């Protein structure tokens, strides 16, 4: 089973939009607040070479921002949506 992780903050509007969209797609995800978990935040910055949220990790693929076309493609590849 593919795993989806959303790295976000409590104040990020795009983070809220992304999580709402994932819920509408019936995609289960783990949420990590990078303000509360700074180690995870550093790991995401190291992996993506960018500072910013949201970041969605689908299996081993990172998608920075709420990039719906890239998210749909990655979720389809992971067989999480049709």
PDB file of N, CA and C in Angstrom:
ATOM      1  N   UNK A   1       0.844  -1.192   0.000  1.00  0.00           N
ATOM      2  CA  UNK A   1       0.000   0.000   0.000  1.00  0.00           C
ATOM      3  C   UNK A   1       0.881   1.244   0.000  1.00  0.00           C
ATOM      4  N   UNK A   2       0.553   2.172  -0.858  1.00  0.00           N
ATOM      5  CA  UNK A   2       1.303   3.412  -0.944  1.00  0.00           C
ATOM      6  C   UNK A   2       1.013   4.281   0.270  1.00  0.00           C
ATOM      7  N   UNK A   3       2.007   5.073   0.630  1.00  0.00           N
ATOM      8  CA  UNK A   3       1.883   5.948   1.790  1.00  0.00           C
ATOM      9  C   UNK A   3       1.958   7.403   1.344  1.00  0.00           C
ATOM     10  N   UNK A   4       1.050   8.219   1.894  1.00  0.00           N
ATOM     11  CA  UNK A   4       1.017   9.655   1.596  1.00  0.00           C
ATOM     12  C   UNK A   4       1.262  10.407   2.894  1.00  0.00           C
ATOM     13  N   UNK A   5       2.224  11.331   2.847  1.00  0.00           N
ATOM     14  CA  UNK A   5       2.526  12.171   3.990  1.00  0.00           C
ATOM     15  C   UNK A   5       2.454  13.626   3.546  1.00  0.00           C
ATOM     16  N   UNK A   6       1.755  14.445   4.336  1.00  0.00           N
ATOM     17  CA  UNK A   6       1.654  15.875   4.054  1.00  0.00           C
ATOM     18  C   UNK A   6       2.421  16.619   5.139  1.00  0.00           C
ATOM     19  N   UNK A   7       3.419  17.383   4.723  1.00  0.00           N
ATOM     20  CA  UNK A   7       4.182  18.244   5.627  1.00  0.00           C
ATOM     21  C   UNK A   7       3.577  19.632   5.518  1.00  0.00           C
ATOM     22  N   UNK A   8       3.141  20.169   6.649  1.00  0.00           N
ATOM     23  CA  UNK A   8       2.389  21.417   6.612  1.00  0.00           C
ATOM     24  C   UNK A   8       2.628  22.233   7.881  1.00  0.00           C
ATOM     25  N   UNK A   9       1.927  23.369   7.945  1.00  0.00           N
ATOM     26  CA  UNK A   9       1.884  24.187   9.150  1.00  0.00           C
ATOM     27  C   UNK A   9       0.419  24.512   9.421  1.00  0.00           C
ATOM     28  N   UNK A  10       0.136  24.968  10.623  1.00  0.00           N
ATOM     29  CA  UNK A  10      -1.249  25.268  10.996  1.00  0.00           C
ATOM     30  C   UNK A  10      -1.786  26.507  10.287  1.00  0.00           C
ATOM     31  N   UNK A  11      -0.913  27.432   9.908  1.00  0.00           N
ATOM     32  CA  UNK A  11      -1.339  28.721   9.352  1.00  0.00           C
ATOM     33  C   UNK A  11      -1.341  28.771   7.818  1.00  0.00           C
ATOM     34  N   UNK A  12      -0.918  27.709   7.169  1.00  0.00           N
ATOM     35  CA  UNK A  12      -0.742  27.696   5.704  1.00  0.00           C
ATOM     36  C   UNK A  12      -2.068  27.429   4.992  1.00  0.00           C
ATOM     37  N   UNK A  13      -2.544  28.412   4.235  1.00  0.00           N
ATOM     38  CA  UNK A  13      -3.799  28.262   3.491  1.00  0.00           C
ATOM     39  C   UNK A  13      -3.735  27.169   2.436  1.00  0.00           C
ATOM     40  N   UNK A  14      -2.625  27.082   1.700  1.00  0.00           N
ATOM     41  CA  UNK A  14      -2.488  26.042   0.681  1.00  0.00           C
ATOM     42  C   UNK A  14      -2.449  24.656   1.317  1.00  0.00           C
ATOM     43  N   UNK A  15      -1.908  24.569   2.530  1.00  0.00           N
ATOM     44  CA  UNK A  15      -1.892  23.291   3.262  1.00  0.00           C
ATOM     45  C   UNK A  15      -3.321  22.839   3.544  1.00  0.00           C
ATOM     46  N   UNK A  16      -4.156  23.772   3.998  1.00  0.00           N
ATOM     47  CA  UNK A  16      -5.554  23.446   4.288  1.00  0.00           C
ATOM     48  C   UNK A  16      -6.287  23.029   3.015  1.00  0.00           C
ATOM     49  N   UNK A  17      -6.016  23.726   1.905  1.00  0.00           N
ATOM     50  CA  UNK A  17      -6.641  23.373   0.627  1.00  0.00           C
ATOM     51  C   UNK A  17      -6.213  21.980   0.184  1.00  0.00           C
ATOM     52  N   UNK A  18      -4.924  21.689   0.309  1.00  0.00           N
ATOM     53  CA  UNK A  18      -4.404  20.380  -0.087  1.00  0.00           C
ATOM     54  C   UNK A  18      -5.046  19.258   0.727  1.00  0.00           C
ATOM     55  N   UNK A  19      -5.098  19.428   2.041  1.00  0.00           N
ATOM     56  CA  UNK A  19      -5.665  18.383   2.900  1.00  0.00           C
ATOM     57  C   UNK A  19      -7.147  18.184   2.604  1.00  0.00           C
ATOM     58  N   UNK A  20      -7.868  19.258   2.343  1.00  0.00           N
ATOM     59  CA  UNK A  20      -9.276  19.164   1.984  1.00  0.00           C
ATOM     60  C   UNK A  20      -9.440  18.415   0.656  1.00  0.00           C
ATOM     61  N   UNK A  21      -8.602  18.738  -0.314  1.00  0.00           N
ATOM     62  CA  UNK A  21      -8.649  18.087  -1.626  1.00  0.00           C
ATOM     63  C   UNK A  21      -8.349  16.598  -1.497  1.00  0.00           C
ATOM     64  N   UNK A  22      -7.318  16.243  -0.723  1.00  0.00           N
ATOM     65  CA  UNK A  22      -6.997  14.830  -0.523  1.00  0.00           C
ATOM     66  C   UNK A  22      -8.169  14.091   0.120  1.00  0.00           C
ATOM     67  N   UNK A  23      -8.805  14.714   1.087  1.00  0.00           N
ATOM     68  CA  UNK A  23      -9.969  14.093   1.738  1.00  0.00           C
ATOM     69  C   UNK A  23     -11.104  13.894   0.732  1.00  0.00           C
ATOM     70  N   UNK A  24     -11.314  14.880  -0.149  1.00  0.00           N
ATOM     71  CA  UNK A  24     -12.352  14.748  -1.180  1.00  0.00           C
ATOM     72  C   UNK A  24     -12.046  13.604  -2.137  1.00  0.00           C
ATOM     73  N   UNK A  25     -10.755  13.319  -2.343  1.00  0.00           N
ATOM     74  CA  UNK A  25     -10.332  12.218  -3.221  1.00  0.00           C
ATOM     75  C   UNK A  25     -10.317  10.875  -2.482  1.00  0.00           C
ATOM     76  N   UNK A  26     -10.696  10.906  -1.204  1.00  0.00           N
ATOM     77  CA  UNK A  26     -10.666   9.711  -0.349  1.00  0.00           C
ATOM     78  C   UNK A  26      -9.260   9.122  -0.223  1.00  0.00           C
ATOM     79  N   UNK A  27      -8.276  10.003  -0.149  1.00  0.00           N
ATOM     80  CA  UNK A  27      -6.886   9.586   0.021  1.00  0.00           C
ATOM     81  C   UNK A  27      -6.518   9.758   1.496  1.00  0.00           C
ATOM     82  N   UNK A  28      -6.124   8.665   2.119  1.00  0.00           N
ATOM     83  CA  UNK A  28      -5.670   8.739   3.502  1.00  0.00           C
ATOM     84  C   UNK A  28      -4.236   9.249   3.508  1.00  0.00           C
ATOM     85  N   UNK A  29      -3.926  10.075   4.503  1.00  0.00           N
ATOM     86  CA  UNK A  29      -2.583  10.638   4.593  1.00  0.00           C
ATOM     87  C   UNK A  29      -2.211  10.857   6.052  1.00  0.00           C
ATOM     88  N   UNK A  30      -0.910  10.900   6.256  1.00  0.00           N
ATOM     89  CA  UNK A  30      -0.372  11.272   7.569  1.00  0.00           C
ATOM     90  C   UNK A  30       0.028  12.738   7.470  1.00  0.00           C
ATOM     91  N   UNK A  31      -0.320  13.506   8.478  1.00  0.00           N
ATOM     92  CA  UNK A  31       0.043  14.922   8.494  1.00  0.00           C
ATOM     93  C   UNK A  31       1.160  15.148   9.502  1.00  0.00           C
ATOM     94  N   UNK A  32       2.184  15.875   9.077  1.00  0.00           N
ATOM     95  CA  UNK A  32       3.271  16.249   9.974  1.00  0.00           C
ATOM     96  C   UNK A  32       3.391  17.765   9.964  1.00  0.00           C
ATOM     97  N   UNK A  33       3.194  18.374  11.121  1.00  0.00           N
ATOM     98  CA  UNK A  33       3.326  19.828  11.272  1.00  0.00           C
ATOM     99  C   UNK A  33       4.810  20.119  11.480  1.00  0.00           C
ATOM    100  N   UNK A  34       5.421  20.773  10.502  1.00  0.00           N
ATOM    101  CA  UNK A  34       6.870  21.002  10.556  1.00  0.00           C
ATOM    102  C   UNK A  34       7.268  22.051  11.585  1.00  0.00           C
ATOM    103  N   UNK A  35       6.292  22.797  12.101  1.00  0.00           N
ATOM    104  CA  UNK A  35       6.605  23.710  13.211  1.00  0.00           C
ATOM    105  C   UNK A  35       6.757  22.924  14.505  1.00  0.00           C
ATOM    106  N   UNK A  36       5.956  21.879  14.640  1.00  0.00           N
ATOM    107  CA  UNK A  36       6.018  21.043  15.835  1.00  0.00           C
ATOM    108  C   UNK A  36       7.122  19.997  15.738  1.00  0.00           C
ATOM    109  N   UNK A  37       7.379  19.510  14.519  1.00  0.00           N
ATOM    110  CA  UNK A  37       8.384  18.478  14.293  1.00  0.00           C
ATOM    111  C   UNK A  37       9.474  19.066  13.393  1.00  0.00           C
ATOM    112  N   UNK A  38      10.399  19.783  14.019  1.00  0.00           N
ATOM    113  CA  UNK A  38      11.429  20.486  13.245  1.00  0.00           C
ATOM    114  C   UNK A  38      12.395  19.521  12.562  1.00  0.00           C
ATOM    115  N   UNK A  39      12.588  18.361  13.138  1.00  0.00           N
ATOM    116  CA  UNK A  39      13.458  17.353  12.505  1.00  0.00           C
ATOM    117  C   UNK A  39      12.872  16.941  11.154  1.00  0.00           C
ATOM    118  N   UNK A  40      11.577  16.691  11.122  1.00  0.00           N
ATOM    119  CA  UNK A  40      10.907  16.337   9.866  1.00  0.00           C
ATOM    120  C   UNK A  40      11.002  17.497   8.878  1.00  0.00           C
ATOM    121  N   UNK A  41      10.873  18.715   9.367  1.00  0.00           N
ATOM    122  CA  UNK A  41      11.006  19.882   8.509  1.00  0.00           C
ATOM    123  C   UNK A  41      12.374  19.965   7.860  1.00  0.00           C
ATOM    124  N   UNK A  42      13.408  19.708   8.643  1.00  0.00           N
ATOM    125  CA  UNK A  42      14.773  19.709   8.084  1.00  0.00           C
ATOM    126  C   UNK A  42      14.950  18.598   7.053  1.00  0.00           C
ATOM    127  N   UNK A  43      14.364  17.438   7.315  1.00  0.00           N
ATOM    128  CA  UNK A  43      14.472  16.317   6.375  1.00  0.00           C
ATOM    129  C   UNK A  43      13.812  16.658   5.035  1.00  0.00           C
ATOM    130  N   UNK A  44      12.668  17.344   5.083  1.00  0.00           N
ATOM    131  CA  UNK A  44      11.972  17.726   3.855  1.00  0.00           C
ATOM    132  C   UNK A  44      12.780  18.762   3.080  1.00  0.00           C
ATOM    133  N   UNK A  45      13.343  19.743   3.785  1.00  0.00           N
ATOM    134  CA  UNK A  45      14.169  20.754   3.119  1.00  0.00           C
ATOM    135  C   UNK A  45      15.374  20.079   2.471  1.00  0.00           C
ATOM    136  N   UNK A  46      15.980  19.137   3.166  1.00  0.00           N
ATOM    137  CA  UNK A  46      17.130  18.420   2.612  1.00  0.00           C
ATOM    138  C   UNK A  46      16.726  17.615   1.373  1.00  0.00           C
ATOM    139  N   UNK A  47      15.564  16.981   1.417  1.00  0.00           N
ATOM    140  CA  UNK A  47      15.113  16.144   0.302  1.00  0.00           C
ATOM    141  C   UNK A  47      14.688  16.964  -0.911  1.00  0.00           C
ATOM    142  N   UNK A  48      14.052  18.129  -0.678  1.00  0.00           N
ATOM    143  CA  UNK A  48      13.499  18.920  -1.785  1.00  0.00           C
ATOM    144  C   UNK A  48      14.372  20.102  -2.189  1.00  0.00           C
ATOM    145  N   UNK A  49      15.300  20.471  -1.314  1.00  0.00           N
ATOM    146  CA  UNK A  49      16.161  21.649  -1.532  1.00  0.00           C
ATOM    147  C   UNK A  49      15.345  22.935  -1.574  1.00  0.00           C
ATOM    148  N   UNK A  50      14.150  22.897  -0.958  1.00  0.00           N
ATOM    149  CA  UNK A  50      13.288  24.073  -0.922  1.00  0.00           C
ATOM    150  C   UNK A  50      12.679  24.207   0.463  1.00  0.00           C
ATOM    151  N   UNK A  51      12.443  25.457   0.847  1.00  0.00           N
ATOM    152  CA  UNK A  51      11.745  25.722   2.103  1.00  0.00           C
ATOM    153  C   UNK A  51      10.362  26.220   1.742  1.00  0.00           C
ATOM    154  N   UNK A  52       9.386  25.557   2.222  1.00  0.00           N
ATOM    155  CA  UNK A  52       8.013  25.947   1.934  1.00  0.00           C
ATOM    156  C   UNK A  52       7.087  24.782   2.188  1.00  0.00           C
ATOM    157  N   UNK A  53       5.853  25.095   2.431  1.00  0.00           N
ATOM    158  CA  UNK A  53       4.826  24.087   2.630  1.00  0.00           C
ATOM    159  C   UNK A  53       3.630  24.463   1.771  1.00  0.00           C
ATOM    160  N   UNK A  54       2.799  23.536   1.415  1.00  0.00           N
ATOM    161  CA  UNK A  54       2.860  22.137   1.779  1.00  0.00           C
ATOM    162  C   UNK A  54       3.850  21.364   0.915  1.00  0.00           C
ATOM    163  N   UNK A  55       4.287  20.243   1.455  1.00  0.00           N
ATOM    164  CA  UNK A  55       5.049  19.257   0.695  1.00  0.00           C
ATOM    165  C   UNK A  55       4.332  17.935   0.892  1.00  0.00           C
ATOM    166  N   UNK A  56       4.053  17.265  -0.206  1.00  0.00           N
ATOM    167  CA  UNK A  56       3.396  15.971  -0.155  1.00  0.00           C
ATOM    168  C   UNK A  56       4.399  14.915  -0.589  1.00  0.00           C
ATOM    169  N   UNK A  57       4.513  13.877   0.217  1.00  0.00           N
ATOM    170  CA  UNK A  57       5.371  12.748  -0.134  1.00  0.00           C
ATOM    171  C   UNK A  57       4.473  11.559  -0.428  1.00  0.00           C
ATOM    172  N   UNK A  58       4.568  11.068  -1.651  1.00  0.00           N
ATOM    173  CA  UNK A  58       3.814   9.889  -2.063  1.00  0.00           C
ATOM    174  C   UNK A  58       4.846   8.821  -2.372  1.00  0.00           C
ATOM    175  N   UNK A  59       4.913   7.823  -1.498  1.00  0.00           N
ATOM    176  CA  UNK A  59       5.980   6.832  -1.529  1.00  0.00           C
ATOM    177  C   UNK A  59       7.311   7.573  -1.426  1.00  0.00           C
ATOM    178  N   UNK A  60       8.120   7.593  -2.487  1.00  0.00           N
ATOM    179  CA  UNK A  60       9.419   8.279  -2.424  1.00  0.00           C
ATOM    180  C   UNK A  60       9.441   9.564  -3.245  1.00  0.00           C
ATOM    181  N   UNK A  61       8.282  10.013  -3.712  1.00  0.00           N
ATOM    182  CA  UNK A  61       8.183  11.210  -4.546  1.00  0.00           C
ATOM    183  C   UNK A  61       7.703  12.390  -3.719  1.00  0.00           C
ATOM    184  N   UNK A  62       8.443  13.502  -3.801  1.00  0.00           N
ATOM    185  CA  UNK A  62       8.061  14.733  -3.101  1.00  0.00           C
ATOM    186  C   UNK A  62       7.451  15.703  -4.099  1.00  0.00           C
ATOM    187  N   UNK A  63       6.338  16.320  -3.716  1.00  0.00           N
ATOM    188  CA  UNK A  63       5.703  17.353  -4.528  1.00  0.00           C
ATOM    189  C   UNK A  63       5.575  18.592  -3.653  1.00  0.00           C
ATOM    190  N   UNK A  64       6.224  19.670  -4.092  1.00  0.00           N
ATOM    191  CA  UNK A  64       6.228  20.917  -3.331  1.00  0.00           C
ATOM    192  C   UNK A  64       5.058  21.769  -3.790  1.00  0.00           C
ATOM    193  N   UNK A  65       4.306  22.278  -2.828  1.00  0.00           N
ATOM    194  CA  UNK A  65       3.165  23.134  -3.128  1.00  0.00           C
ATOM    195  C   UNK A  65       1.918  22.316  -3.422  1.00  0.00           C
ATOM    196  N   UNK A  66       0.825  23.010  -3.665  1.00  0.00           N
ATOM    197  CA  UNK A  66      -0.436  22.359  -4.012  1.00  0.00           C
ATOM    198  C   UNK A  66      -0.529  22.344  -5.526  1.00  0.00           C
ATOM    199  N   UNK A  67       0.260  21.457  -6.139  1.00  0.00           N
ATOM    200  CA  UNK A  67       0.341  21.320  -7.595  1.00  0.00           C
ATOM    201  C   UNK A  67      -0.590  20.172  -7.992  1.00  0.00           C
ATOM    202  N   UNK A  68      -1.844  20.502  -8.225  1.00  0.00           N
ATOM    203  CA  UNK A  68      -2.869  19.477  -8.443  1.00  0.00           C
ATOM    204  C   UNK A  68      -2.523  18.515  -9.588  1.00  0.00           C
ATOM    205  N   UNK A  69      -2.057  18.991 -10.771  1.00  0.00           N
ATOM    206  CA  UNK A  69      -1.725  18.034 -11.844  1.00  0.00           C
ATOM    207  C   UNK A  69      -0.627  17.035 -11.422  1.00  0.00           C
ATOM    208  N   UNK A  70       0.407  17.511 -10.761  1.00  0.00           N
ATOM    209  CA  UNK A  70       1.474  16.599 -10.316  1.00  0.00           C
ATOM    210  C   UNK A  70       0.965  15.644  -9.250  1.00  0.00           C
ATOM    211  N   UNK A  71       0.123  16.149  -8.346  1.00  0.00           N
ATOM    212  CA  UNK A  71      -0.447  15.296  -7.301  1.00  0.00           C
ATOM    213  C   UNK A  71      -1.325  14.213  -7.911  1.00  0.00           C
ATOM    214  N   UNK A  72      -2.189  14.597  -8.869  1.00  0.00           N
ATOM    215  CA  UNK A  72      -3.066  13.620  -9.510  1.00  0.00           C
ATOM    216  C   UNK A  72      -2.247  12.550 -10.214  1.00  0.00           C
ATOM    217  N   UNK A  73      -1.207  12.956 -10.919  1.00  0.00           N
ATOM    218  CA  UNK A  73      -0.352  11.999 -11.634  1.00  0.00           C
ATOM    219  C   UNK A  73       0.315  11.027 -10.661  1.00  0.00           C
ATOM    220  N   UNK A  74       0.863  11.551  -9.571  1.00  0.00           N
ATOM    221  CA  UNK A  74       1.551  10.702  -8.600  1.00  0.00           C
ATOM    222  C   UNK A  74       0.570   9.776  -7.879  1.00  0.00           C
ATOM    223  N   UNK A  75      -0.614  10.288  -7.560  1.00  0.00           N
ATOM    224  CA  UNK A  75      -1.618   9.456  -6.888  1.00  0.00           C
ATOM    225  C   UNK A  75      -2.146   8.367  -7.809  1.00  0.00           C
ATOM    226  N   UNK A  76      -2.295   8.673  -9.100  1.00  0.00           N
ATOM    227  CA  UNK A  76      -2.708   7.653 -10.066  1.00  0.00           C
ATOM    228  C   UNK A  76      -1.631   6.599 -10.223  1.00  0.00           C
ATOM    229  N   UNK A  77      -0.383   7.020 -10.309  1.00  0.00           N
ATOM    230  CA  UNK A  77       0.729   6.069 -10.416  1.00  0.00           C
ATOM    231  C   UNK A  77       0.800   5.147  -9.210  1.00  0.00           C
ATOM    232  N   UNK A  78       0.454   5.691  -8.050  1.00  0.00           N
ATOM    233  CA  UNK A  78       0.467   4.903  -6.813  1.00  0.00           C
ATOM    234  C   UNK A  78      -0.836   4.109  -6.624  1.00  0.00           C
ATOM    235  N   UNK A  79      -1.730   4.254  -7.614  1.00  0.00           N
ATOM    236  CA  UNK A  79      -3.027   3.564  -7.599  1.00  0.00           C
ATOM    237  C   UNK A  79      -3.882   3.955  -6.389  1.00  0.00           C
ATOM    238  N   UNK A  80      -3.789   5.227  -6.012  1.00  0.00           N
ATOM    239  CA  UNK A  80      -4.589   5.737  -4.886  1.00  0.00           C
ATOM    240  C   UNK A  80      -5.840   6.455  -5.381  1.00  0.00           C
ATOM    241  N   UNK A  81      -5.834   6.888  -6.639  1.00  0.00           N
ATOM    242  CA  UNK A  81      -7.033   7.445  -7.280  1.00  0.00           C
ATOM    243  C   UNK A  81      -7.079   6.925  -8.701  1.00  0.00           C
ATOM    244  N   UNK A  82      -8.239   7.075  -9.324  1.00  0.00           N
ATOM    245  CA  UNK A  82      -8.400   6.612 -10.722  1.00  0.00           C
ATOM    246  C   UNK A  82      -8.315   7.770 -11.682  1.00  0.00           C
TER     247      UNK A  82
END
